[in-house]
Amino acid sequence: MKALLLTAALTLSAFSGTTYAHGDHGVLDERGAMGLAARVVQKMTIRDYGFTAGQLDSSWQSISKDQVVLKESGPGFYVVEITKVGSEEKVYVKVLENGDISDVSKVYPF
C-alpha cells in the first residue's frame, strides 16, 4: 500500500508544470508575463491601482494577442508593451519573475 501511494505521488509530480501566478506561487516565463500584463491593463480600466499610468479609459478593455509584445527581459523581470486597439498609444508593464507588477507606464524606458 505504501509503495502504491508513493508511486501515485511520484506520477502526479511528474506531470505538474510551472505555475503561472503571482507572489510565491512560482516563476513566470515570457508568455505568462505577457498574459498577466494584458489582464492588469484591463483591470486598470476599472480603477487606479497606483501605477505611473493611472486609471486607463475603457478602450483598453479589449486586448488581443497581437497587441501584446515582449519589449525587454532581464534578470528577474519582463517589460511588456501593449498597444491600444485602433491607436498608436502604448503602455508598458514591468512584470517581475515572481508575478508581481513593478510598474505600468505610458513612457518607456521607465
Protein backbone atom coordinates (compact mmCIF):
# COMPACT_ATOMS: atom_id res chain seq x y z
CA MET A 1 0.00 0.00 0.00
CA LYS A 2 2.83 2.35 0.90
CA ALA A 3 4.53 1.65 -2.44
CA LEU A 4 1.28 2.31 -4.31
CA LEU A 5 0.85 5.71 -2.64
CA LEU A 6 4.47 6.62 -3.32
CA THR A 7 4.11 5.64 -6.98
CA ALA A 8 0.93 7.70 -7.32
CA ALA A 9 2.60 10.74 -5.72
CA LEU A 10 5.63 10.49 -7.99
CA THR A 11 3.45 10.07 -11.07
CA LEU A 12 1.41 13.16 -10.22
CA SER A 13 4.50 15.25 -9.52
CA ALA A 14 6.00 14.25 -12.87
CA PHE A 15 3.05 15.80 -14.70
CA SER A 16 2.90 19.05 -12.74
CA GLY A 17 4.31 22.07 -14.54
CA THR A 18 5.49 25.55 -13.72
CA THR A 19 2.85 27.67 -12.07
CA TYR A 20 1.97 30.95 -13.77
CA ALA A 21 0.82 33.06 -10.88
CA HIS A 22 1.80 35.85 -8.59
CA GLY A 23 3.72 36.17 -5.39
CA ASP A 24 5.07 32.93 -4.02
CA HIS A 25 3.29 30.60 -6.46
CA GLY A 26 6.11 30.12 -8.94
CA VAL A 27 8.12 31.66 -11.74
CA LEU A 28 6.64 33.26 -14.84
CA ASP A 29 8.03 32.76 -18.32
CA GLU A 30 7.64 35.42 -21.02
CA ARG A 31 4.30 34.06 -22.24
CA GLY A 32 2.92 34.09 -18.70
CA ALA A 33 4.22 37.63 -18.18
CA MET A 34 2.51 38.80 -21.38
CA GLY A 35 -0.83 37.29 -20.34
CA LEU A 36 -0.57 38.77 -16.85
CA ALA A 37 0.31 42.21 -18.25
CA ALA A 38 -2.77 42.17 -20.51
CA ARG A 39 -5.04 41.27 -17.57
CA VAL A 40 -3.53 44.03 -15.42
CA VAL A 41 -4.10 46.64 -18.13
CA GLN A 42 -7.73 45.51 -18.49
CA LYS A 43 -8.22 45.82 -14.72
CA MET A 44 -6.73 49.32 -14.80
CA THR A 45 -9.79 50.47 -16.77
CA ILE A 46 -11.90 49.87 -13.65
CA ARG A 47 -9.76 51.76 -11.14
CA ASP A 48 -6.38 53.34 -10.47
CA TYR A 49 -4.01 50.84 -8.84
CA GLY A 50 -1.37 53.46 -8.07
CA PHE A 51 0.93 52.81 -11.03
CA THR A 52 2.51 55.63 -13.06
CA ALA A 53 -0.05 55.26 -15.89
CA GLY A 54 -3.01 55.78 -13.53
CA GLN A 55 -6.51 54.64 -14.46
CA LEU A 56 -6.94 53.82 -18.15
CA ASP A 57 -10.04 54.57 -20.21
CA SER A 58 -12.44 51.79 -21.21
CA SER A 59 -10.95 51.42 -24.71
CA TRP A 60 -8.13 49.43 -23.09
CA GLN A 61 -10.65 46.69 -22.10
CA SER A 62 -10.31 44.83 -25.39
CA ILE A 63 -6.79 43.45 -25.83
CA SER A 64 -5.89 40.79 -28.38
CA LYS A 65 -2.67 38.76 -28.56
CA ASP A 66 -1.30 40.78 -31.50
CA GLN A 67 -1.38 43.94 -29.34
CA VAL A 68 0.93 42.40 -26.72
CA VAL A 69 4.70 42.29 -27.32
CA LEU A 70 7.65 41.46 -25.10
CA LYS A 71 9.69 44.68 -25.17
CA GLU A 72 12.53 43.71 -22.82
CA SER A 73 13.60 40.97 -20.46
CA GLY A 74 16.32 40.88 -17.87
CA PRO A 75 17.29 39.03 -14.75
CA GLY A 76 14.06 38.62 -12.80
CA PHE A 77 11.77 40.82 -14.93
CA TYR A 78 9.94 41.33 -18.22
CA VAL A 79 8.71 44.57 -19.81
CA VAL A 80 5.58 44.02 -21.87
CA GLU A 81 4.36 46.58 -24.42
CA ILE A 82 0.61 46.75 -25.05
CA THR A 83 -0.76 48.86 -27.90
CA LYS A 84 -4.27 50.31 -27.71
CA VAL A 85 -6.63 48.97 -30.37
CA GLY A 86 -7.02 51.39 -33.30
CA SER A 87 -4.30 53.69 -31.96
CA GLU A 88 -0.55 54.01 -31.54
CA GLU A 89 -0.95 54.69 -27.80
CA LYS A 90 1.03 52.22 -25.72
CA VAL A 91 1.50 51.20 -22.10
CA TYR A 92 4.45 49.31 -20.69
CA VAL A 93 4.05 46.81 -17.88
CA LYS A 94 7.06 45.70 -15.85
CA VAL A 95 6.32 42.19 -14.59
CA LEU A 96 8.65 40.58 -12.09
CA GLU A 97 9.53 36.91 -12.45
CA ASN A 98 7.52 36.08 -9.32
CA GLY A 99 4.36 37.57 -10.89
CA ASP A 100 4.37 40.94 -9.10
CA ILE A 101 3.81 44.09 -11.14
CA SER A 102 6.58 46.63 -10.59
CA ASP A 103 5.05 49.48 -12.63
CA VAL A 104 2.76 50.36 -15.51
CA SER A 105 3.77 53.42 -17.53
CA LYS A 106 2.89 55.21 -20.75
CA VAL A 107 6.59 56.02 -21.17
CA TYR A 108 9.46 53.66 -21.99
CA PRO A 109 12.02 53.33 -20.58
CA PHE A 110 10.58 53.70 -17.09
